[in-house]
């Protein structure tokens, strides 16, 4: 059971989008009924530990999320980043060269 918890936790951690119980069941080749209590236990453990993140039920799946109470501090991270746009994103704003006739 402990190794199953570790694998579920790792899958959720590396996933780019929320992982559903059905998707976890396929990835782990185990019944959904076996996975659900493990995920619920992980959720409770993260909630009880009062860390800077938790395991949240999101969009029909599960995903690690930062704690809402830390939002003011976390905004500083994005504030320090400069915004860069790709050429494709800037294309509509390019000035057309003036063509003389």
N, C-alpha and C. Protein backbone atom coordinates (compact mmCIF):
# COMPACT_ATOMS: atom_id res chain seq x y z
N UNK A 1 0.82 -1.20 0.00
CA UNK A 1 0.00 0.00 0.00
C UNK A 1 0.86 1.26 0.00
N UNK A 2 1.98 1.24 0.74
CA UNK A 2 2.86 2.40 0.80
C UNK A 2 3.46 2.70 -0.57
N UNK A 3 3.84 1.68 -1.32
CA UNK A 3 4.40 1.91 -2.65
C UNK A 3 3.34 2.44 -3.61
N UNK A 4 2.09 2.00 -3.45
CA UNK A 4 1.00 2.51 -4.27
C UNK A 4 0.80 4.00 -3.99
N UNK A 5 0.84 4.39 -2.74
CA UNK A 5 0.71 5.80 -2.36
C UNK A 5 1.80 6.64 -3.01
N UNK A 6 3.01 6.14 -2.97
CA UNK A 6 4.14 6.88 -3.55
C UNK A 6 3.98 7.07 -5.05
N UNK A 7 3.54 6.03 -5.73
CA UNK A 7 3.37 6.10 -7.18
C UNK A 7 2.23 7.06 -7.54
N UNK A 8 1.12 6.97 -6.81
CA UNK A 8 -0.01 7.87 -7.07
C UNK A 8 0.44 9.32 -6.86
N UNK A 9 1.12 9.56 -5.77
CA UNK A 9 1.62 10.89 -5.45
C UNK A 9 2.55 11.40 -6.55
N UNK A 10 3.43 10.55 -7.03
CA UNK A 10 4.37 10.93 -8.08
C UNK A 10 3.64 11.21 -9.40
N UNK A 11 2.67 10.38 -9.76
CA UNK A 11 1.90 10.62 -10.99
C UNK A 11 1.20 11.97 -10.93
N UNK A 12 0.56 12.26 -9.82
CA UNK A 12 -0.16 13.54 -9.68
C UNK A 12 0.83 14.70 -9.73
N UNK A 13 1.97 14.52 -9.12
CA UNK A 13 2.98 15.59 -9.08
C UNK A 13 3.50 15.93 -10.47
N UNK A 14 3.77 14.95 -11.30
CA UNK A 14 4.38 15.22 -12.61
C UNK A 14 3.36 15.50 -13.72
N UNK A 15 2.10 15.22 -13.46
CA UNK A 15 1.08 15.41 -14.50
C UNK A 15 0.91 16.90 -14.84
N UNK A 16 0.74 17.17 -16.12
CA UNK A 16 0.56 18.55 -16.58
C UNK A 16 -0.86 19.06 -16.34
N UNK A 17 -1.80 18.17 -16.13
CA UNK A 17 -3.18 18.55 -15.87
C UNK A 17 -3.73 17.60 -14.80
N UNK A 18 -4.88 17.93 -14.21
CA UNK A 18 -5.44 17.07 -13.17
C UNK A 18 -5.64 15.63 -13.65
N UNK A 19 -5.30 14.68 -12.78
CA UNK A 19 -5.46 13.25 -13.10
C UNK A 19 -6.73 12.72 -12.44
N UNK A 20 -7.58 12.12 -13.24
CA UNK A 20 -8.81 11.53 -12.72
C UNK A 20 -8.51 10.16 -12.11
N UNK A 21 -9.45 9.68 -11.32
CA UNK A 21 -9.31 8.34 -10.76
C UNK A 21 -9.28 7.29 -11.87
N UNK A 22 -10.07 7.51 -12.91
CA UNK A 22 -10.08 6.57 -14.03
C UNK A 22 -8.72 6.51 -14.71
N UNK A 23 -8.10 7.66 -14.92
CA UNK A 23 -6.78 7.70 -15.56
C UNK A 23 -5.73 7.04 -14.66
N UNK A 24 -5.79 7.31 -13.36
CA UNK A 24 -4.86 6.66 -12.43
C UNK A 24 -5.06 5.15 -12.45
N UNK A 25 -6.31 4.70 -12.53
CA UNK A 25 -6.59 3.26 -12.57
C UNK A 25 -5.96 2.62 -13.79
N UNK A 26 -6.02 3.30 -14.93
CA UNK A 26 -5.42 2.78 -16.16
C UNK A 26 -3.89 2.77 -16.03
N UNK A 27 -3.33 3.86 -15.55
CA UNK A 27 -1.87 3.95 -15.41
C UNK A 27 -1.32 2.90 -14.46
N UNK A 28 -2.07 2.62 -13.41
CA UNK A 28 -1.60 1.69 -12.37
C UNK A 28 -2.11 0.26 -12.57
N UNK A 29 -2.99 0.08 -13.55
CA UNK A 29 -3.59 -1.23 -13.81
C UNK A 29 -4.20 -1.82 -12.54
N UNK A 30 -4.99 -0.97 -11.88
CA UNK A 30 -5.67 -1.36 -10.65
C UNK A 30 -7.09 -0.83 -10.70
N UNK A 31 -7.99 -1.42 -9.92
CA UNK A 31 -9.37 -0.94 -9.92
C UNK A 31 -9.48 0.45 -9.28
N UNK A 32 -10.38 1.21 -9.83
CA UNK A 32 -10.64 2.57 -9.32
C UNK A 32 -10.95 2.55 -7.83
N UNK A 33 -11.70 1.53 -7.39
CA UNK A 33 -12.10 1.40 -5.99
C UNK A 33 -10.90 1.24 -5.07
N UNK A 34 -9.80 0.76 -5.58
CA UNK A 34 -8.58 0.60 -4.78
C UNK A 34 -7.80 1.92 -4.71
N UNK A 35 -7.94 2.74 -5.71
CA UNK A 35 -7.17 3.99 -5.80
C UNK A 35 -7.84 5.13 -5.03
N UNK A 36 -9.15 5.19 -5.08
CA UNK A 36 -9.88 6.31 -4.47
C UNK A 36 -9.54 6.50 -2.99
N UNK A 37 -9.56 5.45 -2.15
CA UNK A 37 -9.25 5.67 -0.73
C UNK A 37 -7.80 6.14 -0.50
N UNK A 38 -6.91 5.73 -1.37
CA UNK A 38 -5.51 6.15 -1.24
C UNK A 38 -5.40 7.65 -1.55
N UNK A 39 -6.07 8.10 -2.60
CA UNK A 39 -6.06 9.51 -2.96
C UNK A 39 -6.70 10.34 -1.84
N UNK A 40 -7.81 9.86 -1.30
CA UNK A 40 -8.48 10.58 -0.21
C UNK A 40 -7.58 10.66 1.03
N UNK A 41 -6.85 9.60 1.29
CA UNK A 41 -5.92 9.60 2.42
C UNK A 41 -4.80 10.61 2.19
N UNK A 42 -4.28 10.67 0.97
CA UNK A 42 -3.25 11.65 0.64
C UNK A 42 -3.79 13.08 0.80
N UNK A 43 -5.01 13.30 0.34
CA UNK A 43 -5.63 14.62 0.49
C UNK A 43 -5.69 15.02 1.96
N UNK A 44 -6.11 14.11 2.80
CA UNK A 44 -6.23 14.40 4.23
C UNK A 44 -4.86 14.66 4.85
N UNK A 45 -3.87 13.88 4.48
CA UNK A 45 -2.52 14.07 5.01
C UNK A 45 -1.96 15.45 4.65
N UNK A 46 -2.16 15.86 3.40
CA UNK A 46 -1.67 17.17 2.99
C UNK A 46 -2.44 18.28 3.70
N UNK A 47 -3.72 18.11 3.90
CA UNK A 47 -4.53 19.12 4.60
C UNK A 47 -4.09 19.23 6.06
N UNK A 48 -3.84 18.10 6.70
CA UNK A 48 -3.44 18.10 8.10
C UNK A 48 -2.04 18.65 8.33
N UNK A 49 -1.17 18.51 7.34
CA UNK A 49 0.23 18.92 7.50
C UNK A 49 0.44 20.42 7.37
N UNK A 50 -0.58 21.14 6.87
CA UNK A 50 -0.53 22.59 6.71
C UNK A 50 0.73 23.05 5.96
N UNK A 51 0.99 22.42 4.84
CA UNK A 51 2.11 22.78 3.97
C UNK A 51 1.73 23.94 3.08
N UNK A 52 2.64 24.34 2.25
CA UNK A 52 2.41 25.43 1.32
C UNK A 52 1.60 24.99 0.11
N UNK A 53 1.26 23.72 0.04
CA UNK A 53 0.46 23.20 -1.06
C UNK A 53 -0.43 22.10 -0.54
N UNK A 54 -1.43 21.73 -1.35
CA UNK A 54 -2.34 20.66 -0.97
C UNK A 54 -2.72 19.85 -2.20
N UNK A 55 -3.39 18.76 -1.96
CA UNK A 55 -3.88 17.92 -3.05
C UNK A 55 -5.36 18.23 -3.23
N UNK A 56 -5.68 18.88 -4.33
CA UNK A 56 -7.04 19.36 -4.56
C UNK A 56 -7.75 18.57 -5.64
N UNK A 57 -9.06 18.45 -5.46
CA UNK A 57 -9.92 17.88 -6.51
C UNK A 57 -10.25 19.02 -7.46
N UNK A 58 -9.81 18.87 -8.72
CA UNK A 58 -9.94 19.94 -9.71
C UNK A 58 -10.36 19.34 -11.05
N UNK A 59 -11.37 19.92 -11.67
CA UNK A 59 -11.78 19.55 -13.03
C UNK A 59 -11.91 18.04 -13.22
N UNK A 60 -12.51 17.36 -12.27
CA UNK A 60 -12.73 15.93 -12.39
C UNK A 60 -11.50 15.08 -12.11
N UNK A 61 -10.45 15.70 -11.58
CA UNK A 61 -9.23 14.97 -11.27
C UNK A 61 -8.56 15.54 -10.03
N UNK A 62 -7.30 15.20 -9.87
CA UNK A 62 -6.54 15.65 -8.69
C UNK A 62 -5.26 16.32 -9.14
N UNK A 63 -4.91 17.38 -8.40
CA UNK A 63 -3.73 18.16 -8.76
C UNK A 63 -3.20 18.83 -7.50
N UNK A 64 -1.87 18.97 -7.43
CA UNK A 64 -1.28 19.71 -6.33
C UNK A 64 -1.48 21.19 -6.60
N UNK A 65 -1.92 21.93 -5.59
CA UNK A 65 -2.17 23.35 -5.70
C UNK A 65 -1.53 24.07 -4.52
N UNK A 66 -1.06 25.27 -4.75
CA UNK A 66 -0.52 26.06 -3.66
C UNK A 66 -1.67 26.54 -2.78
N UNK A 67 -1.37 26.78 -1.53
CA UNK A 67 -2.38 27.25 -0.59
C UNK A 67 -2.79 28.68 -0.93
N UNK A 68 -4.07 28.93 -0.92
CA UNK A 68 -4.61 30.24 -1.28
C UNK A 68 -4.08 31.34 -0.37
N UNK A 69 -3.82 31.02 0.87
CA UNK A 69 -3.33 32.03 1.82
C UNK A 69 -1.95 32.56 1.45
N UNK A 70 -1.24 31.87 0.59
CA UNK A 70 0.10 32.31 0.19
C UNK A 70 0.09 33.15 -1.09
N UNK A 71 -1.08 33.41 -1.64
CA UNK A 71 -1.18 34.15 -2.90
C UNK A 71 -0.41 35.47 -2.90
N UNK A 72 -0.50 36.30 -1.85
CA UNK A 72 0.24 37.56 -1.89
C UNK A 72 1.76 37.37 -2.04
N UNK A 73 2.31 36.40 -1.35
CA UNK A 73 3.73 36.14 -1.46
C UNK A 73 4.10 35.55 -2.82
N UNK A 74 3.25 34.66 -3.33
CA UNK A 74 3.54 34.00 -4.59
C UNK A 74 3.44 34.93 -5.79
N UNK A 75 2.65 35.99 -5.67
CA UNK A 75 2.55 36.97 -6.75
C UNK A 75 3.90 37.61 -7.05
N UNK A 76 4.74 37.71 -6.04
CA UNK A 76 6.07 38.30 -6.22
C UNK A 76 6.89 37.52 -7.25
N UNK A 77 6.69 36.23 -7.29
CA UNK A 77 7.43 35.40 -8.24
C UNK A 77 7.12 35.81 -9.67
N UNK A 78 5.86 36.00 -9.99
CA UNK A 78 5.47 36.40 -11.34
C UNK A 78 5.78 37.86 -11.61
N UNK A 79 5.79 38.68 -10.58
CA UNK A 79 6.09 40.09 -10.74
C UNK A 79 7.52 40.30 -11.21
N UNK A 80 8.42 39.44 -10.77
CA UNK A 80 9.84 39.55 -11.12
C UNK A 80 10.15 39.04 -12.52
N UNK A 81 9.24 38.31 -13.11
CA UNK A 81 9.48 37.75 -14.45
C UNK A 81 9.08 38.76 -15.51
N UNK A 82 9.94 38.92 -16.49
CA UNK A 82 9.55 39.79 -17.59
C UNK A 82 8.72 38.97 -18.57
N UNK A 83 7.78 39.60 -19.20
CA UNK A 83 6.92 38.92 -20.15
C UNK A 83 7.58 38.93 -21.52
N UNK A 84 7.67 37.78 -22.12
CA UNK A 84 8.25 37.67 -23.45
C UNK A 84 7.21 37.06 -24.37
N UNK A 85 7.16 37.59 -25.56
CA UNK A 85 6.21 37.10 -26.54
C UNK A 85 6.95 36.50 -27.72
N UNK A 86 6.40 35.45 -28.28
CA UNK A 86 6.99 34.84 -29.46
C UNK A 86 6.73 35.74 -30.66
N UNK A 87 7.46 35.49 -31.75
CA UNK A 87 7.22 36.25 -32.99
C UNK A 87 5.78 36.08 -33.46
N UNK A 88 5.27 34.86 -33.34
CA UNK A 88 3.90 34.60 -33.78
C UNK A 88 2.90 35.42 -32.96
N UNK A 89 3.15 35.55 -31.68
CA UNK A 89 2.25 36.32 -30.84
C UNK A 89 2.30 37.80 -31.18
N UNK A 90 3.45 38.27 -31.61
CA UNK A 90 3.62 39.69 -31.92
C UNK A 90 3.24 40.03 -33.36
N UNK A 91 3.04 39.04 -34.20
CA UNK A 91 2.76 39.27 -35.63
C UNK A 91 1.63 40.26 -35.90
N UNK A 92 0.50 40.15 -35.20
CA UNK A 92 -0.58 41.10 -35.49
C UNK A 92 -0.21 42.55 -35.18
N UNK A 93 0.84 42.76 -34.39
CA UNK A 93 1.20 44.11 -33.97
C UNK A 93 2.39 44.69 -34.74
N UNK A 94 2.94 43.91 -35.67
CA UNK A 94 4.06 44.40 -36.45
C UNK A 94 3.60 45.52 -37.37
N UNK A 95 4.43 46.50 -37.49
CA UNK A 95 4.12 47.61 -38.39
C UNK A 95 4.47 47.22 -39.81
N UNK A 96 3.59 47.51 -40.69
CA UNK A 96 3.85 47.24 -42.11
C UNK A 96 4.84 48.26 -42.62
N UNK A 97 5.78 47.80 -43.43
CA UNK A 97 6.70 48.78 -44.00
C UNK A 97 5.96 49.71 -44.97
N UNK A 98 6.38 50.93 -44.99
CA UNK A 98 5.75 51.89 -45.89
C UNK A 98 6.34 51.69 -47.27
N UNK A 99 5.48 51.47 -48.20
CA UNK A 99 5.90 51.22 -49.56
C UNK A 99 5.57 52.46 -50.37
N UNK A 100 6.60 53.04 -50.97
CA UNK A 100 6.33 54.23 -51.79
C UNK A 100 6.09 53.78 -53.23
N UNK A 101 5.24 54.48 -53.90
CA UNK A 101 4.92 54.12 -55.28
C UNK A 101 5.39 55.17 -56.21
